[in-house]
């Protein structure tokens, strides 16, 4: 369908957006009502289409009861906090985000339970929040034959699980031996 759309509606693009939209609308009408499709047993898509019996009511309003403020992102992707204009992302235009003060002059910006970024009120800088699904990997020592890698798995409740992976390389045999130890008692400092 996309190749046909491109050939019939975009080759030799129209002079303006309205004319181009008219070409798209004409293509959709012909594609659905006047053109038979082999994949549909040589029938028109309009013959088989039936609207859903359930009306779409949209998503419920976003609420952030445990945050300090709920702010609607502007069309240009900014959060306005008094005189401050913070560039977040145009992808959130029109959406409500929550803002919560986590430290003195440090604010956390969240959307639907996901922490997006931290905003420093003093320096007017915004930094991405860490990916909550990523494992934290720290190399702690590196020797000629042994390499130790410490992986901290951070859970949502703030506790961590430390996994030590010791990899031994033997130059003579080029074999790798992997030994894993898990210490549930240690936490991130």
N, C-alpha and C. Protein backbone atom coordinates (compact mmCIF):
# COMPACT_ATOMS: atom_id res chain seq x y z
N UNK A 1 0.81 -1.18 0.00
CA UNK A 1 0.00 0.00 0.00
C UNK A 1 0.86 1.26 0.00
N UNK A 2 1.94 1.27 0.77
CA UNK A 2 2.76 2.47 0.87
C UNK A 2 3.43 2.81 -0.46
N UNK A 3 3.86 1.80 -1.18
CA UNK A 3 4.48 2.06 -2.47
C UNK A 3 3.45 2.63 -3.45
N UNK A 4 2.24 2.08 -3.43
CA UNK A 4 1.17 2.58 -4.29
C UNK A 4 0.80 4.01 -3.90
N UNK A 5 0.71 4.26 -2.61
CA UNK A 5 0.41 5.61 -2.13
C UNK A 5 1.47 6.60 -2.60
N UNK A 6 2.71 6.21 -2.47
CA UNK A 6 3.80 7.09 -2.88
C UNK A 6 3.76 7.37 -4.38
N UNK A 7 3.51 6.34 -5.18
CA UNK A 7 3.49 6.52 -6.63
C UNK A 7 2.31 7.38 -7.08
N UNK A 8 1.14 7.14 -6.52
CA UNK A 8 -0.06 7.80 -7.00
C UNK A 8 -0.32 9.16 -6.36
N UNK A 9 0.16 9.39 -5.13
CA UNK A 9 -0.21 10.62 -4.44
C UNK A 9 0.94 11.56 -4.15
N UNK A 10 2.18 11.11 -4.29
CA UNK A 10 3.28 12.02 -3.94
C UNK A 10 4.25 12.30 -5.08
N UNK A 11 4.26 11.49 -6.09
CA UNK A 11 5.17 11.76 -7.20
C UNK A 11 4.66 12.98 -7.95
N UNK A 12 5.54 13.90 -8.07
CA UNK A 12 5.20 15.27 -8.47
C UNK A 12 4.30 15.84 -7.39
N UNK A 13 4.94 16.23 -6.28
CA UNK A 13 4.22 16.74 -5.12
C UNK A 13 3.39 17.96 -5.50
N UNK A 14 2.31 18.15 -4.78
CA UNK A 14 1.43 19.30 -5.02
C UNK A 14 2.11 20.59 -4.57
N UNK A 15 1.52 21.72 -4.97
CA UNK A 15 2.13 23.02 -4.70
C UNK A 15 2.00 23.46 -3.26
N UNK A 16 0.94 23.00 -2.56
CA UNK A 16 0.78 23.38 -1.15
C UNK A 16 0.16 22.22 -0.38
N UNK A 17 0.05 22.41 0.95
CA UNK A 17 -0.44 21.35 1.82
C UNK A 17 -1.90 20.98 1.53
N UNK A 18 -2.73 21.95 1.24
CA UNK A 18 -4.14 21.66 0.99
C UNK A 18 -4.31 20.81 -0.27
N UNK A 19 -3.58 21.14 -1.32
CA UNK A 19 -3.66 20.34 -2.55
C UNK A 19 -3.13 18.93 -2.30
N UNK A 20 -2.04 18.82 -1.55
CA UNK A 20 -1.47 17.51 -1.25
C UNK A 20 -2.45 16.69 -0.42
N UNK A 21 -3.11 17.32 0.57
CA UNK A 21 -4.09 16.60 1.38
C UNK A 21 -5.26 16.14 0.52
N UNK A 22 -5.66 16.95 -0.45
CA UNK A 22 -6.72 16.55 -1.37
C UNK A 22 -6.33 15.31 -2.17
N UNK A 23 -5.07 15.23 -2.59
CA UNK A 23 -4.60 14.04 -3.31
C UNK A 23 -4.61 12.81 -2.42
N UNK A 24 -4.22 12.98 -1.15
CA UNK A 24 -4.27 11.86 -0.21
C UNK A 24 -5.71 11.40 0.00
N UNK A 25 -6.62 12.34 0.20
CA UNK A 25 -8.03 11.99 0.42
C UNK A 25 -8.60 11.25 -0.79
N UNK A 26 -8.26 11.70 -1.98
CA UNK A 26 -8.74 11.04 -3.20
C UNK A 26 -8.17 9.63 -3.29
N UNK A 27 -6.90 9.45 -2.96
CA UNK A 27 -6.29 8.13 -2.98
C UNK A 27 -6.99 7.19 -2.01
N UNK A 28 -7.26 7.67 -0.79
CA UNK A 28 -7.91 6.83 0.22
C UNK A 28 -9.30 6.41 -0.25
N UNK A 29 -10.04 7.34 -0.84
CA UNK A 29 -11.38 7.03 -1.33
C UNK A 29 -11.32 5.95 -2.41
N UNK A 30 -10.44 6.11 -3.39
CA UNK A 30 -10.30 5.11 -4.46
C UNK A 30 -9.80 3.78 -3.91
N UNK A 31 -8.82 3.83 -3.01
CA UNK A 31 -8.22 2.61 -2.46
C UNK A 31 -9.24 1.79 -1.68
N UNK A 32 -10.13 2.45 -0.95
CA UNK A 32 -11.09 1.74 -0.10
C UNK A 32 -12.42 1.43 -0.76
N UNK A 33 -12.84 2.23 -1.76
CA UNK A 33 -14.20 2.06 -2.30
C UNK A 33 -14.27 1.67 -3.77
N UNK A 34 -13.21 1.91 -4.54
CA UNK A 34 -13.29 1.64 -5.97
C UNK A 34 -12.27 0.62 -6.45
N UNK A 35 -11.40 0.17 -5.58
CA UNK A 35 -10.33 -0.74 -5.97
C UNK A 35 -10.48 -2.07 -5.24
N UNK A 36 -10.59 -3.14 -6.00
CA UNK A 36 -10.70 -4.46 -5.41
C UNK A 36 -9.31 -4.94 -4.97
N UNK A 37 -9.30 -5.76 -3.90
CA UNK A 37 -8.04 -6.24 -3.33
C UNK A 37 -8.00 -7.76 -3.35
N UNK A 38 -6.90 -8.29 -3.87
CA UNK A 38 -6.73 -9.75 -3.92
C UNK A 38 -6.73 -10.36 -2.52
N UNK A 39 -6.13 -9.68 -1.56
CA UNK A 39 -6.05 -10.21 -0.20
C UNK A 39 -7.42 -10.30 0.46
N UNK A 40 -8.41 -9.59 -0.09
CA UNK A 40 -9.77 -9.60 0.46
C UNK A 40 -10.72 -10.40 -0.43
N UNK A 41 -10.18 -11.36 -1.16
CA UNK A 41 -10.97 -12.18 -2.10
C UNK A 41 -11.67 -11.31 -3.13
N UNK A 42 -10.92 -10.38 -3.69
CA UNK A 42 -11.36 -9.48 -4.76
C UNK A 42 -12.61 -8.69 -4.34
N UNK A 43 -12.57 -8.17 -3.11
CA UNK A 43 -13.65 -7.30 -2.63
C UNK A 43 -13.06 -5.95 -2.25
N UNK A 44 -13.96 -5.00 -2.04
CA UNK A 44 -13.56 -3.66 -1.63
C UNK A 44 -13.41 -3.62 -0.11
N UNK A 45 -12.43 -2.90 0.42
CA UNK A 45 -12.29 -2.78 1.88
C UNK A 45 -13.53 -2.16 2.53
N UNK A 46 -14.18 -1.23 1.84
CA UNK A 46 -15.37 -0.60 2.40
C UNK A 46 -16.51 -1.59 2.61
N UNK A 47 -16.55 -2.67 1.83
CA UNK A 47 -17.58 -3.69 2.00
C UNK A 47 -17.42 -4.43 3.32
N UNK A 48 -16.19 -4.63 3.75
CA UNK A 48 -15.91 -5.44 4.94
C UNK A 48 -15.79 -4.62 6.22
N UNK A 49 -15.61 -3.32 6.08
CA UNK A 49 -15.39 -2.48 7.26
C UNK A 49 -16.69 -2.31 8.04
N UNK A 50 -16.57 -2.43 9.35
CA UNK A 50 -17.70 -2.09 10.23
C UNK A 50 -17.13 -1.35 11.44
N UNK A 51 -17.73 -0.23 11.79
CA UNK A 51 -17.20 0.53 12.93
C UNK A 51 -17.37 -0.24 14.24
N UNK A 52 -16.54 0.08 15.18
CA UNK A 52 -16.60 -0.58 16.49
C UNK A 52 -17.89 -0.18 17.20
N UNK A 53 -18.52 -1.13 17.87
CA UNK A 53 -19.74 -0.79 18.61
C UNK A 53 -19.45 0.02 19.88
N UNK A 54 -18.20 -0.01 20.34
CA UNK A 54 -17.83 0.74 21.54
C UNK A 54 -17.28 2.11 21.14
N UNK A 55 -17.83 3.18 21.67
CA UNK A 55 -17.28 4.50 21.34
C UNK A 55 -15.95 4.71 22.07
N UNK A 56 -15.06 5.43 21.42
CA UNK A 56 -13.76 5.75 22.03
C UNK A 56 -13.91 7.01 22.86
N UNK A 57 -13.65 6.90 24.13
CA UNK A 57 -13.81 8.05 25.01
C UNK A 57 -12.48 8.68 25.39
N UNK A 58 -11.39 8.17 24.88
CA UNK A 58 -10.08 8.73 25.17
C UNK A 58 -9.52 8.18 26.47
N UNK A 59 -8.36 8.67 26.83
CA UNK A 59 -7.71 8.24 28.07
C UNK A 59 -8.25 9.06 29.24
N UNK A 60 -8.24 8.49 30.43
CA UNK A 60 -8.66 9.29 31.59
C UNK A 60 -7.66 10.40 31.86
N UNK A 61 -8.11 11.42 32.56
CA UNK A 61 -7.22 12.51 32.92
C UNK A 61 -6.08 12.00 33.79
N UNK A 62 -4.89 12.48 33.51
CA UNK A 62 -3.73 12.08 34.32
C UNK A 62 -3.75 12.83 35.64
N UNK A 63 -3.56 12.11 36.71
CA UNK A 63 -3.51 12.71 38.04
C UNK A 63 -2.22 12.29 38.72
N UNK A 64 -1.63 13.21 39.44
CA UNK A 64 -0.40 12.96 40.17
C UNK A 64 -0.61 13.41 41.61
N UNK A 65 -1.27 12.60 42.43
CA UNK A 65 -1.61 13.05 43.78
C UNK A 65 -0.41 13.20 44.72
N UNK A 66 0.70 12.53 44.46
CA UNK A 66 1.85 12.58 45.37
C UNK A 66 2.95 13.52 44.89
N UNK A 67 2.65 14.37 43.93
CA UNK A 67 3.64 15.31 43.43
C UNK A 67 3.24 16.73 43.80
N UNK A 68 4.20 17.64 43.70
CA UNK A 68 3.95 19.02 44.11
C UNK A 68 3.08 19.78 43.12
N UNK A 69 3.31 19.57 41.83
CA UNK A 69 2.57 20.31 40.81
C UNK A 69 2.27 19.40 39.63
N UNK A 70 1.18 19.74 38.94
CA UNK A 70 0.86 19.13 37.66
C UNK A 70 0.87 20.26 36.64
N UNK A 71 1.68 20.12 35.61
CA UNK A 71 1.87 21.19 34.62
C UNK A 71 1.59 20.64 33.23
N UNK A 72 0.87 21.39 32.42
CA UNK A 72 0.64 21.01 31.03
C UNK A 72 1.79 21.53 30.18
N UNK A 73 2.38 20.65 29.39
CA UNK A 73 3.50 21.02 28.52
C UNK A 73 2.95 21.86 27.36
N UNK A 74 3.63 22.94 27.04
CA UNK A 74 3.18 23.83 25.97
C UNK A 74 3.35 23.18 24.60
N UNK A 75 2.80 23.83 23.58
CA UNK A 75 2.89 23.29 22.21
C UNK A 75 4.33 23.18 21.74
N UNK A 76 5.19 24.05 22.25
CA UNK A 76 6.59 24.00 21.83
C UNK A 76 7.43 23.08 22.72
N UNK A 77 6.80 22.36 23.66
CA UNK A 77 7.51 21.37 24.46
C UNK A 77 8.14 21.91 25.72
N UNK A 78 7.62 23.01 26.26
CA UNK A 78 8.19 23.61 27.46
C UNK A 78 7.29 23.42 28.67
N UNK A 79 7.94 23.43 29.84
CA UNK A 79 7.25 23.48 31.12
C UNK A 79 7.47 24.90 31.65
N UNK A 80 6.41 25.56 32.01
CA UNK A 80 6.53 26.92 32.55
C UNK A 80 6.28 26.88 34.06
N UNK A 81 7.32 27.24 34.80
CA UNK A 81 7.23 27.32 36.26
C UNK A 81 7.55 28.75 36.66
N UNK A 82 6.51 29.56 36.77
CA UNK A 82 6.72 30.97 37.06
C UNK A 82 7.46 31.61 35.91
N UNK A 83 8.55 32.31 36.20
CA UNK A 83 9.30 32.95 35.10
C UNK A 83 10.19 31.98 34.32
N UNK A 84 10.35 30.75 34.84
CA UNK A 84 11.23 29.78 34.19
C UNK A 84 10.51 29.06 33.05
N UNK A 85 11.20 28.89 31.95
CA UNK A 85 10.70 28.14 30.81
C UNK A 85 11.69 27.01 30.57
N UNK A 86 11.25 25.78 30.83
CA UNK A 86 12.13 24.61 30.77
C UNK A 86 11.78 23.80 29.54
N UNK A 87 12.75 23.61 28.65
CA UNK A 87 12.53 22.80 27.44
C UNK A 87 12.56 21.33 27.81
N UNK A 88 11.43 20.66 27.62
CA UNK A 88 11.34 19.22 27.91
C UNK A 88 11.42 18.45 26.59
N UNK A 89 10.32 18.41 25.84
CA UNK A 89 10.28 17.77 24.53
C UNK A 89 8.94 18.07 23.89
N UNK A 90 8.96 18.30 22.59
CA UNK A 90 7.73 18.55 21.87
C UNK A 90 6.83 17.32 21.83
N UNK A 91 7.41 16.15 22.09
CA UNK A 91 6.62 14.92 22.11
C UNK A 91 5.57 14.95 23.21
N UNK A 92 5.78 15.75 24.26
CA UNK A 92 4.85 15.84 25.37
C UNK A 92 3.91 17.04 25.25
N UNK A 93 3.89 17.71 24.11
CA UNK A 93 3.05 18.90 23.93
C UNK A 93 1.59 18.58 24.25
N UNK A 94 1.00 19.38 25.12
CA UNK A 94 -0.40 19.21 25.50
C UNK A 94 -0.62 18.18 26.59
N UNK A 95 0.40 17.45 27.00
CA UNK A 95 0.26 16.43 28.04
C UNK A 95 0.55 17.02 29.41
N UNK A 96 -0.04 16.42 30.43
CA UNK A 96 0.23 16.84 31.80
C UNK A 96 1.38 16.03 32.36
N UNK A 97 2.35 16.72 32.93
CA UNK A 97 3.48 16.07 33.59
C UNK A 97 3.48 16.51 35.05
N UNK A 98 4.12 15.71 35.88
CA UNK A 98 4.19 16.07 37.29
C UNK A 98 5.58 16.61 37.61
N UNK A 99 5.61 17.51 38.57
CA UNK A 99 6.87 18.08 39.03
C UNK A 99 6.90 17.93 40.54
N UNK A 100 7.99 17.37 41.03
CA UNK A 100 8.13 17.11 42.46
C UNK A 100 9.51 17.56 42.91
N UNK A 101 9.57 18.32 43.99
CA UNK A 101 10.85 18.76 44.51
C UNK A 101 11.47 17.61 45.30
N UNK A 102 12.68 17.20 44.89
CA UNK A 102 13.35 16.08 45.55
C UNK A 102 14.49 16.54 46.45
N UNK A 103 15.05 17.69 46.17
CA UNK A 103 16.09 18.30 46.99
C UNK A 103 15.94 19.80 46.88
N UNK A 104 16.77 20.51 47.62
CA UNK A 104 16.75 21.97 47.54
C UNK A 104 17.08 22.41 46.11
N UNK A 105 16.13 23.03 45.44
CA UNK A 105 16.26 23.55 44.08
C UNK A 105 16.45 22.47 43.01
N UNK A 106 16.11 21.21 43.32
CA UNK A 106 16.16 20.12 42.35
C UNK A 106 14.74 19.56 42.23
N UNK A 107 14.25 19.52 40.99
CA UNK A 107 12.90 19.06 40.72
C UNK A 107 12.93 17.83 39.83
N UNK A 108 12.04 16.88 40.09
CA UNK A 108 11.90 15.68 39.28
C UNK A 108 10.67 15.84 38.40
N UNK A 109 10.84 15.62 37.09
CA UNK A 109 9.73 15.71 36.13
C UNK A 109 9.35 14.29 35.74
N UNK A 110 8.06 13.93 35.89
CA UNK A 110 7.58 12.57 35.61
C UNK A 110 6.37 12.62 34.69
N UNK A 111 6.18 11.52 33.97
CA UNK A 111 5.02 11.36 33.10
C UNK A 111 4.49 9.95 33.25
N UNK A 112 3.26 9.80 33.70
CA UNK A 112 2.59 8.50 33.85
C UNK A 112 3.45 7.49 34.63
N UNK A 113 4.05 7.90 35.70
CA UNK A 113 4.82 6.98 36.51
C UNK A 113 6.26 6.78 36.07
N UNK A 114 6.67 7.43 34.99
CA UNK A 114 8.06 7.33 34.52
C UNK A 114 8.79 8.63 34.81
N UNK A 115 9.94 8.52 35.45
CA UNK A 115 10.76 9.69 35.73
C UNK A 115 11.49 10.08 34.46
N UNK A 116 11.23 11.31 33.99
CA UNK A 116 11.82 11.77 32.73
C UNK A 116 13.15 12.47 32.94
N UNK A 117 13.18 13.43 33.86
CA UNK A 117 14.39 14.22 34.00
C UNK A 117 14.40 14.94 35.34
N UNK A 118 15.57 15.47 35.65
CA UNK A 118 15.75 16.31 36.83
C UNK A 118 16.05 17.72 36.36
N UNK A 119 15.47 18.69 37.04
CA UNK A 119 15.70 20.09 36.70
C UNK A 119 16.35 20.78 37.88
N UNK A 120 17.48 21.43 37.61
CA UNK A 120 18.18 22.20 38.63
C UNK A 120 17.72 23.64 38.53
N UNK A 121 17.00 24.10 39.54
CA UNK A 121 16.42 25.44 39.56
C UNK A 121 17.50 26.52 39.59
N UNK A 122 18.61 26.23 40.21
CA UNK A 122 19.68 27.21 40.36
C UNK A 122 20.47 27.44 39.07
N UNK A 123 20.82 26.35 38.38
CA UNK A 123 21.63 26.47 37.16
C UNK A 123 20.78 26.45 35.90
N UNK A 124 19.47 26.21 36.05
CA UNK A 124 18.53 26.13 34.91
C UNK A 124 18.94 25.04 33.91
N UNK A 125 19.43 23.92 34.43
CA UNK A 125 19.80 22.79 33.58
C UNK A 125 18.84 21.65 33.80
N UNK A 126 18.59 20.91 32.74
CA UNK A 126 17.74 19.73 32.84
C UNK A 126 18.57 18.54 32.38
N UNK A 127 18.49 17.45 33.13
CA UNK A 127 19.25 16.25 32.81
C UNK A 127 18.31 15.05 32.81
N UNK A 128 18.55 14.12 31.92
CA UNK A 128 17.71 12.93 31.82
C UNK A 128 17.81 12.10 33.09
N UNK A 129 16.69 11.54 33.48
CA UNK A 129 16.69 10.60 34.60
C UNK A 129 17.22 9.26 34.10
N UNK A 130 17.71 8.47 35.00
CA UNK A 130 18.25 7.16 34.62
C UNK A 130 17.13 6.26 34.13
N UNK A 131 17.48 5.38 33.21
CA UNK A 131 16.52 4.40 32.70
C UNK A 131 16.21 3.41 33.81
N UNK A 132 14.93 3.30 34.23
CA UNK A 132 14.62 2.41 35.35
C UNK A 132 14.76 0.93 35.01
N UNK A 133 14.88 0.60 33.74
CA UNK A 133 14.95 -0.80 33.33
C UNK A 133 16.37 -1.26 33.05
N UNK A 134 17.33 -0.37 33.08
CA UNK A 134 18.71 -0.72 32.73
C UNK A 134 19.47 -1.22 33.95
N UNK A 135 20.35 -2.19 33.73
CA UNK A 135 21.23 -2.67 34.79
C UNK A 135 22.40 -1.72 34.90
N UNK A 136 22.87 -1.52 36.12
CA UNK A 136 24.02 -0.66 36.35
C UNK A 136 25.27 -1.52 36.33
N UNK A 137 26.22 -1.23 35.45
CA UNK A 137 27.43 -2.02 35.30
C UNK A 137 28.63 -1.17 35.68
N UNK A 138 29.42 -1.67 36.61
CA UNK A 138 30.62 -0.97 37.05
C UNK A 138 31.80 -1.94 37.01
N UNK A 139 32.87 -1.59 36.33
CA UNK A 139 34.08 -2.42 36.34
C UNK A 139 34.88 -2.03 37.57
N UNK A 140 35.20 -3.01 38.42
CA UNK A 140 35.88 -2.68 39.67
C UNK A 140 37.37 -2.98 39.65
N UNK A 141 37.79 -3.96 38.91
CA UNK A 141 39.23 -4.22 38.84
C UNK A 141 39.55 -4.89 37.53
N UNK A 142 40.74 -4.65 37.08
CA UNK A 142 41.17 -5.26 35.84
C UNK A 142 42.62 -5.69 35.98
N UNK A 143 42.85 -6.97 35.86
CA UNK A 143 44.21 -7.49 35.94
C UNK A 143 44.62 -8.06 34.60
N UNK A 144 45.79 -8.66 34.59
CA UNK A 144 46.25 -9.22 33.33
C UNK A 144 45.44 -10.46 32.96
N UNK A 145 45.07 -11.25 33.97
CA UNK A 145 44.37 -12.49 33.66
C UNK A 145 42.92 -12.48 34.15
N UNK A 146 42.63 -11.69 35.14
CA UNK A 146 41.29 -11.70 35.71
C UNK A 146 40.64 -10.34 35.52
N UNK A 147 39.40 -10.37 35.21
CA UNK A 147 38.61 -9.15 35.13
C UNK A 147 37.36 -9.36 35.95
N UNK A 148 37.09 -8.44 36.85
CA UNK A 148 35.88 -8.53 37.66
C UNK A 148 34.92 -7.45 37.23
N UNK A 149 33.68 -7.82 37.07
CA UNK A 149 32.64 -6.87 36.70
C UNK A 149 31.58 -6.94 37.78
N UNK A 150 31.20 -5.79 38.30
CA UNK A 150 30.15 -5.74 39.30
C UNK A 150 28.92 -5.16 38.64
N UNK A 151 27.83 -5.88 38.72
CA UNK A 151 26.56 -5.41 38.16
C UNK A 151 25.61 -5.18 39.32
N UNK A 152 25.13 -3.94 39.43
CA UNK A 152 24.14 -3.63 40.43
C UNK A 152 22.78 -3.60 39.76
N UNK A 153 21.88 -4.45 40.21
CA UNK A 153 20.52 -4.45 39.72
C UNK A 153 19.69 -3.66 40.72
N UNK A 154 19.22 -2.50 40.32
CA UNK A 154 18.46 -1.63 41.20
C UNK A 154 16.99 -1.95 41.04
N UNK A 155 16.34 -2.29 42.12
CA UNK A 155 14.91 -2.55 42.07
C UNK A 155 14.16 -1.26 42.32
N UNK A 156 12.86 -1.26 42.01
CA UNK A 156 12.04 -0.06 42.16
C UNK A 156 11.95 0.40 43.61
N UNK A 157 12.08 -0.52 44.58
CA UNK A 157 11.97 -0.12 45.98
C UNK A 157 13.27 0.49 46.50
N UNK A 158 14.27 0.65 45.64
CA UNK A 158 15.52 1.28 46.02
C UNK A 158 16.59 0.30 46.49
N UNK A 159 16.21 -0.93 46.80
CA UNK A 159 17.19 -1.92 47.22
C UNK A 159 17.95 -2.42 46.00
N UNK A 160 19.10 -2.96 46.22
CA UNK A 160 19.89 -3.45 45.10
C UNK A 160 20.37 -4.88 45.37
N UNK A 161 20.73 -5.54 44.30
CA UNK A 161 21.32 -6.87 44.38
C UNK A 161 22.64 -6.80 43.63
N UNK A 162 23.70 -7.22 44.26
CA UNK A 162 25.02 -7.17 43.63
C UNK A 162 25.34 -8.52 43.04
N UNK A 163 25.80 -8.51 41.79
CA UNK A 163 26.21 -9.73 41.11
C UNK A 163 27.65 -9.54 40.68
N UNK A 164 28.54 -10.37 41.18
CA UNK A 164 29.95 -10.32 40.78
C UNK A 164 30.18 -11.37 39.72
N UNK A 165 30.73 -10.98 38.62
CA UNK A 165 31.08 -11.93 37.58
C UNK A 165 32.59 -11.88 37.39
N UNK A 166 33.25 -12.98 37.67
CA UNK A 166 34.70 -13.06 37.52
C UNK A 166 35.00 -13.83 36.24
N UNK A 167 35.71 -13.23 35.34
CA UNK A 167 36.04 -13.86 34.08
C UNK A 167 37.55 -14.08 34.04
N UNK A 168 37.97 -15.31 33.88
CA UNK A 168 39.40 -15.62 33.83
C UNK A 168 39.78 -16.00 32.41
N UNK A 169 40.83 -15.38 31.91
CA UNK A 169 41.30 -15.67 30.57
C UNK A 169 42.68 -16.34 30.68
N UNK A 170 42.84 -17.44 30.00
CA UNK A 170 44.12 -18.12 29.96
C UNK A 170 44.69 -17.93 28.56
N UNK A 171 45.85 -17.31 28.46
CA UNK A 171 46.42 -17.05 27.14
C UNK A 171 46.83 -18.34 26.43
N UNK A 172 47.23 -19.33 27.19
CA UNK A 172 47.69 -20.57 26.57
C UNK A 172 46.53 -21.35 25.94
N UNK A 173 45.41 -21.42 26.60
CA UNK A 173 44.31 -22.24 26.09
C UNK A 173 43.17 -21.40 25.51
N UNK A 174 43.18 -20.08 25.77
CA UNK A 174 42.13 -19.18 25.28
C UNK A 174 40.75 -19.61 25.72
N UNK A 175 40.66 -20.13 26.94
CA UNK A 175 39.37 -20.55 27.47
C UNK A 175 38.86 -19.50 28.44
N UNK A 176 37.58 -19.38 28.48
CA UNK A 176 36.96 -18.47 29.43
C UNK A 176 36.23 -19.30 30.48
N UNK A 177 36.44 -18.95 31.72
CA UNK A 177 35.73 -19.59 32.81
C UNK A 177 34.90 -18.51 33.49
N UNK A 178 33.64 -18.75 33.60
CA UNK A 178 32.75 -17.75 34.17
C UNK A 178 32.21 -18.27 35.49
N UNK A 179 32.42 -17.51 36.52
CA UNK A 179 31.90 -17.87 37.84
C UNK A 179 31.09 -16.68 38.35
N UNK A 180 29.88 -16.95 38.78
CA UNK A 180 29.01 -15.88 39.24
C UNK A 180 28.71 -16.07 40.71
N UNK A 181 28.83 -14.99 41.47
CA UNK A 181 28.47 -14.99 42.89
C UNK A 181 27.42 -13.90 43.08
N UNK A 182 26.45 -14.17 43.91
CA UNK A 182 25.42 -13.17 44.18
C UNK A 182 25.42 -12.88 45.66
N UNK A 183 25.54 -11.61 46.02
CA UNK A 183 25.49 -11.18 47.41
C UNK A 183 24.27 -10.27 47.55
N UNK A 184 23.20 -10.79 48.17
CA UNK A 184 21.99 -9.99 48.32
C UNK A 184 22.10 -8.97 49.44
N UNK A 185 23.09 -9.10 50.31
CA UNK A 185 23.18 -8.22 51.46
C UNK A 185 23.79 -6.86 51.13
N UNK A 186 24.57 -6.76 50.08
CA UNK A 186 25.27 -5.52 49.79
C UNK A 186 24.35 -4.56 49.05
N UNK A 187 24.51 -3.28 49.33
CA UNK A 187 23.70 -2.24 48.68
C UNK A 187 24.62 -1.24 48.02
N UNK A 188 24.02 -0.41 47.19
CA UNK A 188 24.79 0.62 46.49
C UNK A 188 25.17 1.71 47.47
N UNK A 189 26.42 2.13 47.43
CA UNK A 189 26.86 3.18 48.34
C UNK A 189 26.46 4.53 47.81
